[in-house]
Amino acid sequence: MFSICIPVYNYDVRELVQSLHRQAMRSGLPFEILLMDDASKEEYRTVNSAIDWPYLRYIQLTGNAGRSKIRNRLAQAAKYTYLIFMDCDSAVSSETYIDNYIPYCKPNIVCYGGRLYEEKWPHDTKYLRWKYGVKRESIPAEEREKEPNLSFMTCNFLIDKALLEKIPFDETVQGYGHEDTLFGIQLLYLGIRIQHIDNPLIHLGLEDAAVFIAKTENAVANLRRIDAILQEKCPEPVNHSLLIRTEQRLKKWGLLPLTAAIFTVFKPLLKRNLLSKKPSLFLFDLYKLGTLCRLSCVS
């Protein structure tokens, strides 16, 4: 009935698989757990390929496919009708995680369960990622339902396999960030409303602030690329991003070059705060805006 699809990259998934396997067996329904390794380091390939549970398949990719392509490949490889996708650096937060998704196994379904973070503050170098996750990503279903297709993340969702085959993730969106934004909007234009429930996974794999900042810069570039795709393909514009709307206002007012120049001067100071023990999410937002404006000016 359902395939649990986990793209794996440089993470030990043994504990996650054990929890999922126990719950899936208890459900009494046909299932499989499908691990697809995206060219991880040898140490992770060794431990994950050795997992020996019934109804588990491990597939090793020879090259790094990336976030969009590997999810499409998992969907192609899965043998059941409904797919539960999750990030590999996750932990189940409830013993009824699988059971909570079962009632939503329906045609044309996309159901997002949410994301949580551990209550304990992490090491200083990971504090920015933890703070951002707690403040911006740990959102209850009631709040996500207000803009259902713009509140979607690929870290934890159920989908009808036939629907994903019809609307695969756009593989031109590479690197980190916003493939889920584009996917949610594409569904919106097809009249498919993403459902939201409180069935979260806990995000464990927090990056150091420096890594998270670099990945965010890539995500901002992807956001620009996605906006261009939407302008070309979609019949009506979608206000999918406050960041894009702010950049467009600055452009309209002729302030884009000035904003980019100011950001270039103050970028080291902004980055110093973000790498500190007390990072400001407001300054992080300014950092993203400055990155976007600078990209717009040089393109």
Protein backbone atom coordinates (compact mmCIF):
# COMPACT_ATOMS: atom_id res chain seq x y z
CA MET A 1 0.00 0.00 0.00
CA PHE A 2 2.76 2.50 0.82
CA SER A 3 6.46 2.99 0.13
CA ILE A 4 8.60 4.94 2.59
CA CYS A 5 11.08 6.80 0.40
CA ILE A 6 14.24 8.17 1.96
CA PRO A 7 16.96 9.93 -0.04
CA VAL A 8 20.18 9.37 1.89
CA TYR A 9 23.25 11.57 1.89
CA ASN A 10 26.05 11.32 4.46
CA TYR A 11 23.83 10.26 7.34
CA ASP A 12 23.41 7.12 9.42
CA VAL A 13 19.74 6.13 9.03
CA ARG A 14 19.73 2.93 11.09
CA GLU A 15 17.78 4.35 14.01
CA LEU A 16 15.24 6.07 11.75
CA VAL A 17 14.70 2.89 9.71
CA GLN A 18 14.24 0.81 12.84
CA SER A 19 11.51 3.15 14.13
CA LEU A 20 9.72 3.26 10.79
CA HIS A 21 9.95 -0.49 10.27
CA ARG A 22 8.42 -1.19 13.68
CA GLN A 23 5.50 1.14 13.00
CA ALA A 24 4.95 -0.07 9.44
CA MET A 25 4.88 -3.71 10.56
CA ARG A 26 2.36 -2.82 13.24
CA SER A 27 0.06 -1.23 10.65
CA GLY A 28 -0.54 -4.63 9.04
CA LEU A 29 -0.50 -3.06 5.56
CA PRO A 30 1.79 -3.90 2.62
CA PHE A 31 4.81 -1.61 2.67
CA GLU A 32 8.43 -1.16 1.75
CA ILE A 33 11.23 1.07 2.97
CA LEU A 34 13.25 2.36 0.04
CA LEU A 35 16.66 3.88 0.73
CA MET A 36 18.42 5.61 -2.14
CA ASP A 37 21.96 6.77 -1.43
CA ASP A 38 22.99 9.91 -3.31
CA ALA A 39 26.73 9.14 -3.52
CA SER A 40 27.50 9.44 0.19
CA LYS A 41 30.90 8.97 1.76
CA GLU A 42 32.00 5.36 2.08
CA GLU A 43 31.51 5.25 5.86
CA TYR A 44 27.79 6.01 5.47
CA ARG A 45 27.34 3.70 2.50
CA THR A 46 28.84 0.88 4.55
CA VAL A 47 26.55 1.19 7.58
CA ASN A 48 23.37 1.95 5.65
CA SER A 49 23.77 -0.76 3.00
CA ALA A 50 24.19 -3.30 5.81
CA ILE A 51 20.72 -2.63 7.28
CA ASP A 52 18.90 -5.95 7.13
CA TRP A 53 15.16 -5.67 7.65
CA PRO A 54 12.32 -7.37 5.76
CA TYR A 55 10.68 -5.21 3.08
CA LEU A 56 13.68 -2.88 2.85
CA ARG A 57 15.53 -2.05 -0.37
CA TYR A 58 18.79 -0.15 -0.65
CA ILE A 59 19.77 1.51 -3.94
CA GLN A 60 23.19 3.06 -4.45
CA LEU A 61 23.59 5.87 -6.97
CA THR A 62 27.00 6.22 -8.59
CA GLY A 63 26.81 10.02 -8.84
CA ASN A 64 25.10 12.75 -6.87
CA ALA A 65 21.62 13.29 -8.33
CA GLY A 66 20.48 16.17 -6.13
CA ARG A 67 17.30 16.94 -4.22
CA SER A 68 14.79 16.98 -7.09
CA LYS A 69 16.12 14.16 -9.25
CA ILE A 70 16.56 11.68 -6.41
CA ARG A 71 12.95 12.13 -5.31
CA ASN A 72 11.78 11.49 -8.86
CA ARG A 73 13.96 8.38 -9.01
CA LEU A 74 12.59 7.13 -5.71
CA ALA A 75 9.06 7.53 -7.05
CA GLN A 76 9.98 5.57 -10.17
CA ALA A 77 11.53 2.78 -8.09
CA ALA A 78 8.72 2.55 -5.53
CA LYS A 79 6.26 -0.31 -6.03
CA TYR A 80 3.29 0.89 -3.97
CA THR A 81 0.54 3.42 -4.66
CA TYR A 82 1.29 5.90 -1.90
CA LEU A 83 4.68 7.35 -1.07
CA ILE A 84 5.88 8.76 2.24
CA PHE A 85 8.93 10.95 1.68
CA MET A 86 11.23 12.18 4.42
CA ASP A 87 14.70 13.59 4.89
CA CYS A 88 17.29 11.12 6.13
CA ASP A 89 18.37 13.33 9.06
CA SER A 90 15.01 12.91 10.77
CA ALA A 91 13.53 11.15 13.79
CA VAL A 92 9.93 10.16 14.38
CA SER A 93 8.23 12.21 17.09
CA SER A 94 5.32 9.82 17.66
CA GLU A 95 4.71 6.09 17.80
CA THR A 96 1.68 6.69 15.58
CA TYR A 97 3.58 8.50 12.80
CA ILE A 98 2.76 5.90 10.12
CA ASP A 99 -0.80 5.36 11.38
CA ASN A 100 -1.44 9.12 11.21
CA TYR A 101 -0.76 9.13 7.46
CA ILE A 102 -2.89 6.05 6.59
CA PRO A 103 -6.29 7.87 6.44
CA TYR A 104 -4.82 10.26 3.85
CA CYS A 105 -3.90 7.54 1.36
CA LYS A 106 -6.30 8.74 -1.32
CA PRO A 107 -6.02 9.57 -5.04
CA ASN A 108 -4.43 12.92 -5.94
CA ILE A 109 -3.32 13.48 -2.33
CA VAL A 110 -0.42 15.55 -1.13
CA CYS A 111 -0.25 15.77 2.65
CA TYR A 112 2.48 17.55 4.61
CA GLY A 113 3.06 16.48 8.21
CA GLY A 114 5.32 19.26 9.49
CA ARG A 115 8.70 19.58 11.13
CA LEU A 116 9.96 19.93 14.70
CA TYR A 117 13.29 20.67 16.34
CA GLU A 118 14.71 19.41 19.59
CA GLU A 119 13.98 21.64 22.56
CA LYS A 120 17.56 21.61 23.76
CA TRP A 121 19.71 24.39 22.30
CA PRO A 122 22.51 23.01 20.13
CA HIS A 123 26.19 23.86 20.09
CA ASP A 124 26.91 27.53 19.33
CA THR A 125 28.00 26.86 15.74
CA LYS A 126 24.63 25.24 14.97
CA TYR A 127 22.49 27.78 16.80
CA LEU A 128 21.55 29.82 13.71
CA ARG A 129 20.15 26.73 11.96
CA TRP A 130 18.27 25.64 15.07
CA LYS A 131 16.83 29.10 15.72
CA TYR A 132 15.72 29.50 12.11
CA GLY A 133 14.07 26.08 12.19
CA VAL A 134 12.23 26.70 15.44
CA LYS A 135 11.00 30.17 14.43
CA ARG A 136 10.34 29.69 10.72
CA GLU A 137 9.79 25.97 10.05
CA SER A 138 8.08 24.52 13.14
CA ILE A 139 4.61 25.68 12.18
CA PRO A 140 1.41 23.92 13.31
CA ALA A 141 -0.99 22.63 10.67
CA GLU A 142 -3.61 25.25 11.53
CA GLU A 143 -1.20 28.01 10.53
CA ARG A 144 0.10 26.18 7.45
CA GLU A 145 -3.46 25.72 6.21
CA LYS A 146 -3.79 29.48 5.66
CA GLU A 147 -1.47 29.21 2.62
CA PRO A 148 -1.40 25.45 2.08
CA ASN A 149 0.56 25.26 -1.16
CA LEU A 150 3.15 27.82 -0.02
CA SER A 151 3.71 26.05 3.32
CA PHE A 152 4.96 22.80 1.84
CA MET A 153 8.35 21.22 2.49
CA THR A 154 9.79 17.99 1.13
CA CYS A 155 11.12 16.87 4.51
CA ASN A 156 7.96 14.93 5.45
CA PHE A 157 5.02 14.32 3.13
CA LEU A 158 2.65 11.73 1.72
CA ILE A 159 1.79 11.73 -1.99
CA ASP A 160 -0.12 9.64 -4.52
CA LYS A 161 2.55 8.08 -6.73
CA ALA A 162 0.49 8.67 -9.88
CA LEU A 163 0.34 12.39 -9.09
CA LEU A 164 4.11 12.66 -8.63
CA GLU A 165 4.64 10.82 -11.91
CA LYS A 166 2.35 13.37 -13.56
CA ILE A 167 4.04 16.37 -11.92
CA PRO A 168 7.63 15.39 -11.05
CA PHE A 169 10.00 17.71 -9.24
CA ASP A 170 11.68 20.12 -11.64
CA GLU A 171 15.19 18.77 -12.08
CA THR A 172 16.50 22.08 -13.43
CA VAL A 173 16.32 23.34 -9.85
CA GLN A 174 19.63 22.13 -8.50
CA GLY A 175 21.47 22.47 -5.23
CA TYR A 176 19.82 23.49 -2.00
CA GLY A 177 16.46 25.13 -1.69
CA HIS A 178 13.01 25.89 -3.10
CA GLU A 179 12.29 22.87 -5.27
CA ASP A 180 9.38 22.41 -2.85
CA THR A 181 8.23 26.01 -3.46
CA LEU A 182 7.95 25.40 -7.20
CA PHE A 183 6.25 22.05 -6.70
CA GLY A 184 3.61 23.52 -4.40
CA ILE A 185 2.77 26.28 -6.88
CA GLN A 186 2.58 23.84 -9.79
CA LEU A 187 0.04 21.84 -7.80
CA LEU A 188 -1.88 25.03 -7.07
CA TYR A 189 -2.30 25.74 -10.77
CA LEU A 190 -3.69 22.24 -11.26
CA GLY A 191 -6.26 22.88 -8.56
CA ILE A 192 -4.65 20.50 -6.07
CA ARG A 193 -4.65 21.83 -2.53
CA ILE A 194 -1.95 20.44 -0.27
CA GLN A 195 -3.41 19.09 2.96
CA HIS A 196 -1.72 19.72 6.29
CA ILE A 197 -1.73 17.67 9.46
CA ASP A 198 0.25 17.69 12.68
CA ASN A 199 2.40 14.62 12.09
CA PRO A 200 5.91 16.05 12.36
CA LEU A 201 9.36 14.58 12.08
CA ILE A 202 12.21 15.97 14.16
CA HIS A 203 15.02 17.52 12.15
CA LEU A 204 18.30 16.33 13.65
CA GLY A 205 20.98 17.09 11.06
CA LEU A 206 21.73 20.72 11.85
CA GLU A 207 24.47 22.40 9.84
CA ASP A 208 27.07 24.78 11.22
CA ALA A 209 26.13 28.41 10.65
CA ALA A 210 28.77 28.89 7.93
CA VAL A 211 27.42 25.91 5.96
CA PHE A 212 23.83 27.04 6.43
CA ILE A 213 24.65 30.55 5.19
CA ALA A 214 26.32 29.13 2.08
CA LYS A 215 23.34 26.85 1.41
CA THR A 216 20.99 29.80 1.91
CA GLU A 217 22.88 31.77 -0.74
CA ASN A 218 22.26 28.87 -3.13
CA ALA A 219 18.61 28.81 -2.09
CA VAL A 220 18.26 32.53 -2.89
CA ALA A 221 19.70 31.89 -6.37
CA ASN A 222 17.21 29.05 -6.79
CA LEU A 223 14.38 31.34 -5.70
CA ARG A 224 15.29 33.74 -8.49
CA ARG A 225 15.39 30.89 -10.98
CA ILE A 226 12.02 29.61 -9.79
CA ASP A 227 10.45 33.04 -10.10
CA ALA A 228 11.62 33.17 -13.73
CA ILE A 229 10.14 29.72 -14.37
CA LEU A 230 6.81 30.77 -12.88
CA GLN A 231 6.67 33.96 -14.92
CA GLU A 232 7.18 31.91 -18.06
CA LYS A 233 4.88 28.97 -17.33
CA CYS A 234 2.10 30.23 -15.08
CA PRO A 235 -0.89 32.15 -16.44
CA GLU A 236 -1.07 34.44 -13.41
CA PRO A 237 1.68 35.56 -11.01
CA VAL A 238 1.78 34.10 -7.51
CA ASN A 239 2.97 36.10 -4.52
CA HIS A 240 5.03 33.16 -3.35
CA SER A 241 7.85 35.02 -1.64
CA LEU A 242 8.13 38.16 0.47
CA LEU A 243 11.79 38.27 -0.52
CA ILE A 244 10.96 38.44 -4.24
CA ARG A 245 8.24 41.05 -3.65
CA THR A 246 10.65 43.25 -1.69
CA GLU A 247 13.31 42.95 -4.40
CA GLN A 248 10.73 43.91 -7.04
CA ARG A 249 9.71 46.99 -5.05
CA LEU A 250 13.32 48.10 -4.75
CA LYS A 251 13.73 47.63 -8.50
CA LYS A 252 10.58 49.65 -9.18
CA TRP A 253 11.85 52.49 -6.98
CA GLY A 254 15.30 52.41 -8.61
CA LEU A 255 16.96 51.34 -5.36
CA LEU A 256 18.24 47.93 -6.42
CA PRO A 257 21.85 48.97 -7.25
CA LEU A 258 22.09 51.04 -4.06
CA THR A 259 20.81 48.15 -1.93
CA ALA A 260 23.28 45.76 -3.56
CA ALA A 261 26.15 48.21 -2.97
CA ILE A 262 25.21 48.71 0.69
CA PHE A 263 25.01 44.95 1.15
CA THR A 264 28.48 44.50 -0.33
CA VAL A 265 29.88 46.95 2.24
CA PHE A 266 27.99 45.53 5.24
CA LYS A 267 28.06 41.84 4.32
CA PRO A 268 31.06 41.06 6.59
CA LEU A 269 29.29 42.68 9.57
CA LEU A 270 26.05 40.82 8.87
CA LYS A 271 27.93 37.57 8.55
CA ARG A 272 29.79 38.22 11.80
CA ASN A 273 26.46 38.42 13.63
CA LEU A 274 25.10 35.29 11.95
CA LEU A 275 28.19 33.34 12.96
CA SER A 276 28.00 34.61 16.54
CA LYS A 277 26.38 33.07 19.62
CA LYS A 278 23.38 35.42 19.26
CA PRO A 279 22.42 35.53 15.57
CA SER A 280 19.55 37.79 14.54
CA LEU A 281 16.93 36.41 12.15
CA PHE A 282 16.12 39.98 11.11
CA LEU A 283 19.73 40.43 10.00
CA PHE A 284 19.54 37.03 8.33
CA ASP A 285 16.56 38.29 6.31
CA LEU A 286 18.58 41.37 5.31
CA TYR A 287 21.44 39.09 4.29
CA LYS A 288 19.11 37.12 2.00
CA LEU A 289 17.65 40.31 0.53
CA GLY A 290 21.11 41.72 -0.13
CA THR A 291 22.18 38.47 -1.77
CA LEU A 292 19.14 38.56 -4.03
CA CYS A 293 19.65 42.20 -4.98
CA ARG A 294 23.30 41.62 -5.81
CA LEU A 295 22.42 38.62 -7.98
CA SER A 296 19.83 40.72 -9.79
CA CYS A 297 22.32 43.48 -10.46
CA VAL A 298 25.01 41.23 -11.92
CA SER A 299 22.73 39.13 -14.12
